[in-house]
Amino acid sequence: CPPDQLVLQVPARALLEGDTVTLRCRGWQFMSVTSVSFYREEKEVLVLGNGTELSLSPLQLNHSGRY
C-alpha cells in the first residue's frame, strides 16, 4: 500500500540501553499490511520473523538513528 497509508507505532516513553523496543508498521484504518521493509538511515534493515515488526534487543547506542 502507499506509504501515506502506513502507521509506524513506536514506544511513547524514553528508551534506555538494554531495553527491548519493537517498531510496528500497520495499515491506516482498514488497510491490511502483511510485509514491510524497515530502513535505518536509508539502508534496509534485515528483519527476522514477523514481516511487520522490527525488534531491537538489547537496545544499544548504535541502534540510534532515523528509521
N, C-alpha and C. Protein backbone atom coordinates (compact mmCIF):
# COMPACT_ATOMS: atom_id res chain seq x y z
N CYS A 1 0.85 -1.18 0.00
CA CYS A 1 0.00 0.00 0.00
C CYS A 1 0.90 1.24 0.00
N PRO A 2 0.37 2.37 -0.41
CA PRO A 2 1.17 3.60 -0.47
C PRO A 2 1.69 3.99 0.92
N PRO A 3 2.90 4.56 0.99
CA PRO A 3 3.49 4.93 2.28
C PRO A 3 2.61 5.85 3.12
N ASP A 4 1.79 6.69 2.49
CA ASP A 4 0.95 7.60 3.27
C ASP A 4 -0.22 6.88 3.93
N GLN A 5 -0.35 5.58 3.70
CA GLN A 5 -1.40 4.79 4.34
C GLN A 5 -0.83 3.83 5.38
N LEU A 6 0.42 4.06 5.76
CA LEU A 6 1.08 3.24 6.79
C LEU A 6 1.24 4.04 8.07
N VAL A 7 1.18 3.35 9.20
CA VAL A 7 1.38 3.96 10.51
C VAL A 7 2.51 3.21 11.20
N LEU A 8 3.54 3.94 11.63
CA LEU A 8 4.65 3.34 12.37
C LEU A 8 4.39 3.55 13.85
N GLN A 9 4.20 2.46 14.59
CA GLN A 9 3.95 2.53 16.03
C GLN A 9 5.28 2.39 16.76
N VAL A 10 5.55 3.36 17.62
CA VAL A 10 6.79 3.36 18.41
C VAL A 10 6.43 3.61 19.87
N PRO A 11 7.29 3.20 20.80
CA PRO A 11 7.00 3.44 22.22
C PRO A 11 6.92 4.93 22.52
N ALA A 12 6.03 5.30 23.43
CA ALA A 12 5.85 6.70 23.80
C ALA A 12 6.59 7.03 25.09
N ARG A 13 7.71 6.37 25.29
CA ARG A 13 8.49 6.61 26.50
C ARG A 13 9.97 6.68 26.13
N ALA A 14 10.74 7.19 27.06
CA ALA A 14 12.19 7.24 26.85
C ALA A 14 12.74 5.81 26.86
N LEU A 15 13.70 5.56 26.01
CA LEU A 15 14.31 4.24 25.91
C LEU A 15 15.74 4.29 26.45
N LEU A 16 16.14 3.22 27.10
CA LEU A 16 17.47 3.13 27.67
C LEU A 16 18.21 1.94 27.08
N GLU A 17 19.55 2.04 27.10
CA GLU A 17 20.34 0.89 26.66
C GLU A 17 19.94 -0.33 27.47
N GLY A 18 19.82 -1.47 26.79
CA GLY A 18 19.43 -2.70 27.46
C GLY A 18 17.94 -3.01 27.35
N ASP A 19 17.14 -1.97 27.04
CA ASP A 19 15.70 -2.18 26.85
C ASP A 19 15.44 -3.01 25.60
N THR A 20 14.23 -3.49 25.47
CA THR A 20 13.75 -4.10 24.24
C THR A 20 12.75 -3.14 23.62
N VAL A 21 12.91 -2.86 22.34
CA VAL A 21 11.96 -1.98 21.65
C VAL A 21 11.49 -2.69 20.39
N THR A 22 10.20 -2.55 20.10
CA THR A 22 9.64 -3.13 18.89
C THR A 22 8.95 -2.02 18.10
N LEU A 23 9.36 -1.85 16.85
CA LEU A 23 8.71 -0.93 15.92
C LEU A 23 7.69 -1.74 15.13
N ARG A 24 6.47 -1.24 15.04
CA ARG A 24 5.41 -1.96 14.33
C ARG A 24 4.85 -1.09 13.23
N CYS A 25 4.68 -1.67 12.06
CA CYS A 25 4.10 -0.97 10.93
C CYS A 25 2.70 -1.54 10.69
N ARG A 26 1.72 -0.65 10.68
CA ARG A 26 0.32 -1.05 10.49
C ARG A 26 -0.29 -0.25 9.36
N GLY A 27 -1.34 -0.79 8.80
CA GLY A 27 -2.08 -0.06 7.78
C GLY A 27 -3.01 0.95 8.42
N TRP A 28 -3.25 2.06 7.73
CA TRP A 28 -4.15 3.09 8.21
C TRP A 28 -5.58 2.60 8.10
N GLN A 29 -6.35 2.77 9.15
CA GLN A 29 -7.75 2.36 9.24
C GLN A 29 -7.89 0.88 8.90
N PHE A 30 -8.49 0.54 7.77
CA PHE A 30 -8.78 -0.86 7.46
C PHE A 30 -7.81 -1.48 6.46
N MET A 31 -6.71 -0.80 6.16
CA MET A 31 -5.73 -1.34 5.22
C MET A 31 -4.98 -2.51 5.87
N SER A 32 -4.84 -3.59 5.14
CA SER A 32 -4.12 -4.76 5.64
C SER A 32 -2.67 -4.70 5.16
N VAL A 33 -1.75 -4.93 6.08
CA VAL A 33 -0.32 -4.94 5.75
C VAL A 33 0.25 -6.27 6.22
N THR A 34 0.89 -7.00 5.32
CA THR A 34 1.44 -8.31 5.68
C THR A 34 2.96 -8.33 5.71
N SER A 35 3.60 -7.39 5.02
CA SER A 35 5.05 -7.36 4.98
C SER A 35 5.52 -5.95 4.64
N VAL A 36 6.54 -5.50 5.33
CA VAL A 36 7.12 -4.18 5.07
C VAL A 36 8.64 -4.29 5.09
N SER A 37 9.31 -3.27 4.61
CA SER A 37 10.76 -3.17 4.72
C SER A 37 11.08 -2.03 5.67
N PHE A 38 11.96 -2.28 6.61
CA PHE A 38 12.39 -1.23 7.54
C PHE A 38 13.74 -0.69 7.06
N TYR A 39 13.93 0.61 7.23
CA TYR A 39 15.17 1.27 6.84
C TYR A 39 15.69 2.09 8.01
N ARG A 40 16.99 2.09 8.16
CA ARG A 40 17.67 2.94 9.14
C ARG A 40 18.69 3.75 8.38
N GLU A 41 18.55 5.07 8.46
CA GLU A 41 19.44 5.97 7.72
C GLU A 41 19.50 5.59 6.24
N GLU A 42 18.34 5.27 5.66
CA GLU A 42 18.16 4.97 4.24
C GLU A 42 18.76 3.64 3.79
N LYS A 43 19.17 2.79 4.75
CA LYS A 43 19.68 1.45 4.41
C LYS A 43 18.71 0.42 4.97
N GLU A 44 18.38 -0.59 4.17
CA GLU A 44 17.42 -1.59 4.60
C GLU A 44 17.95 -2.40 5.78
N VAL A 45 17.08 -2.65 6.75
CA VAL A 45 17.41 -3.42 7.94
C VAL A 45 16.83 -4.82 7.76
N LEU A 46 17.63 -5.84 8.00
CA LEU A 46 17.16 -7.21 7.90
C LEU A 46 16.21 -7.50 9.06
N VAL A 47 15.02 -7.99 8.73
CA VAL A 47 14.00 -8.30 9.74
C VAL A 47 13.81 -9.80 9.79
N LEU A 48 13.91 -10.37 10.99
CA LEU A 48 13.66 -11.80 11.18
C LEU A 48 12.28 -11.97 11.78
N GLY A 49 11.56 -12.96 11.35
CA GLY A 49 10.24 -13.24 11.93
C GLY A 49 9.14 -12.45 11.26
N ASN A 50 8.28 -11.86 12.09
CA ASN A 50 7.10 -11.15 11.61
C ASN A 50 7.47 -10.06 10.62
N GLY A 51 6.81 -10.03 9.48
CA GLY A 51 7.14 -9.08 8.43
C GLY A 51 6.68 -7.66 8.65
N THR A 52 6.02 -7.37 9.79
CA THR A 52 5.57 -6.01 10.06
C THR A 52 6.15 -5.44 11.35
N GLU A 53 7.10 -6.14 11.95
CA GLU A 53 7.70 -5.68 13.21
C GLU A 53 9.23 -5.76 13.14
N LEU A 54 9.86 -4.81 13.81
CA LEU A 54 11.32 -4.80 13.95
C LEU A 54 11.62 -4.70 15.43
N SER A 55 12.22 -5.74 16.00
CA SER A 55 12.58 -5.74 17.42
C SER A 55 14.07 -5.51 17.58
N LEU A 56 14.42 -4.65 18.51
CA LEU A 56 15.82 -4.36 18.82
C LEU A 56 16.03 -4.73 20.29
N SER A 57 16.85 -5.75 20.53
CA SER A 57 17.06 -6.22 21.89
C SER A 57 18.40 -6.94 21.99
N PRO A 58 19.21 -6.59 22.96
CA PRO A 58 19.04 -5.45 23.83
C PRO A 58 19.36 -4.16 23.07
N LEU A 59 18.65 -3.10 23.40
CA LEU A 59 18.86 -1.82 22.74
C LEU A 59 20.26 -1.30 23.05
N GLN A 60 20.96 -0.84 22.01
CA GLN A 60 22.32 -0.33 22.15
C GLN A 60 22.40 1.04 21.51
N LEU A 61 23.39 1.81 21.90
CA LEU A 61 23.57 3.16 21.38
C LEU A 61 23.68 3.15 19.86
N ASN A 62 24.30 2.11 19.28
CA ASN A 62 24.46 2.08 17.82
C ASN A 62 23.14 1.80 17.10
N HIS A 63 22.05 1.53 17.82
CA HIS A 63 20.74 1.39 17.20
C HIS A 63 20.09 2.75 16.93
N SER A 64 20.66 3.82 17.47
CA SER A 64 20.05 5.14 17.29
C SER A 64 20.12 5.55 15.83
N GLY A 65 19.21 6.41 15.43
CA GLY A 65 19.17 6.90 14.06
C GLY A 65 17.75 7.13 13.60
N ARG A 66 17.63 7.43 12.33
CA ARG A 66 16.34 7.73 11.71
C ARG A 66 15.83 6.47 11.04
N TYR A 67 14.68 5.98 11.48
CA TYR A 67 14.08 4.77 10.92
C TYR A 67 12.91 5.14 10.04
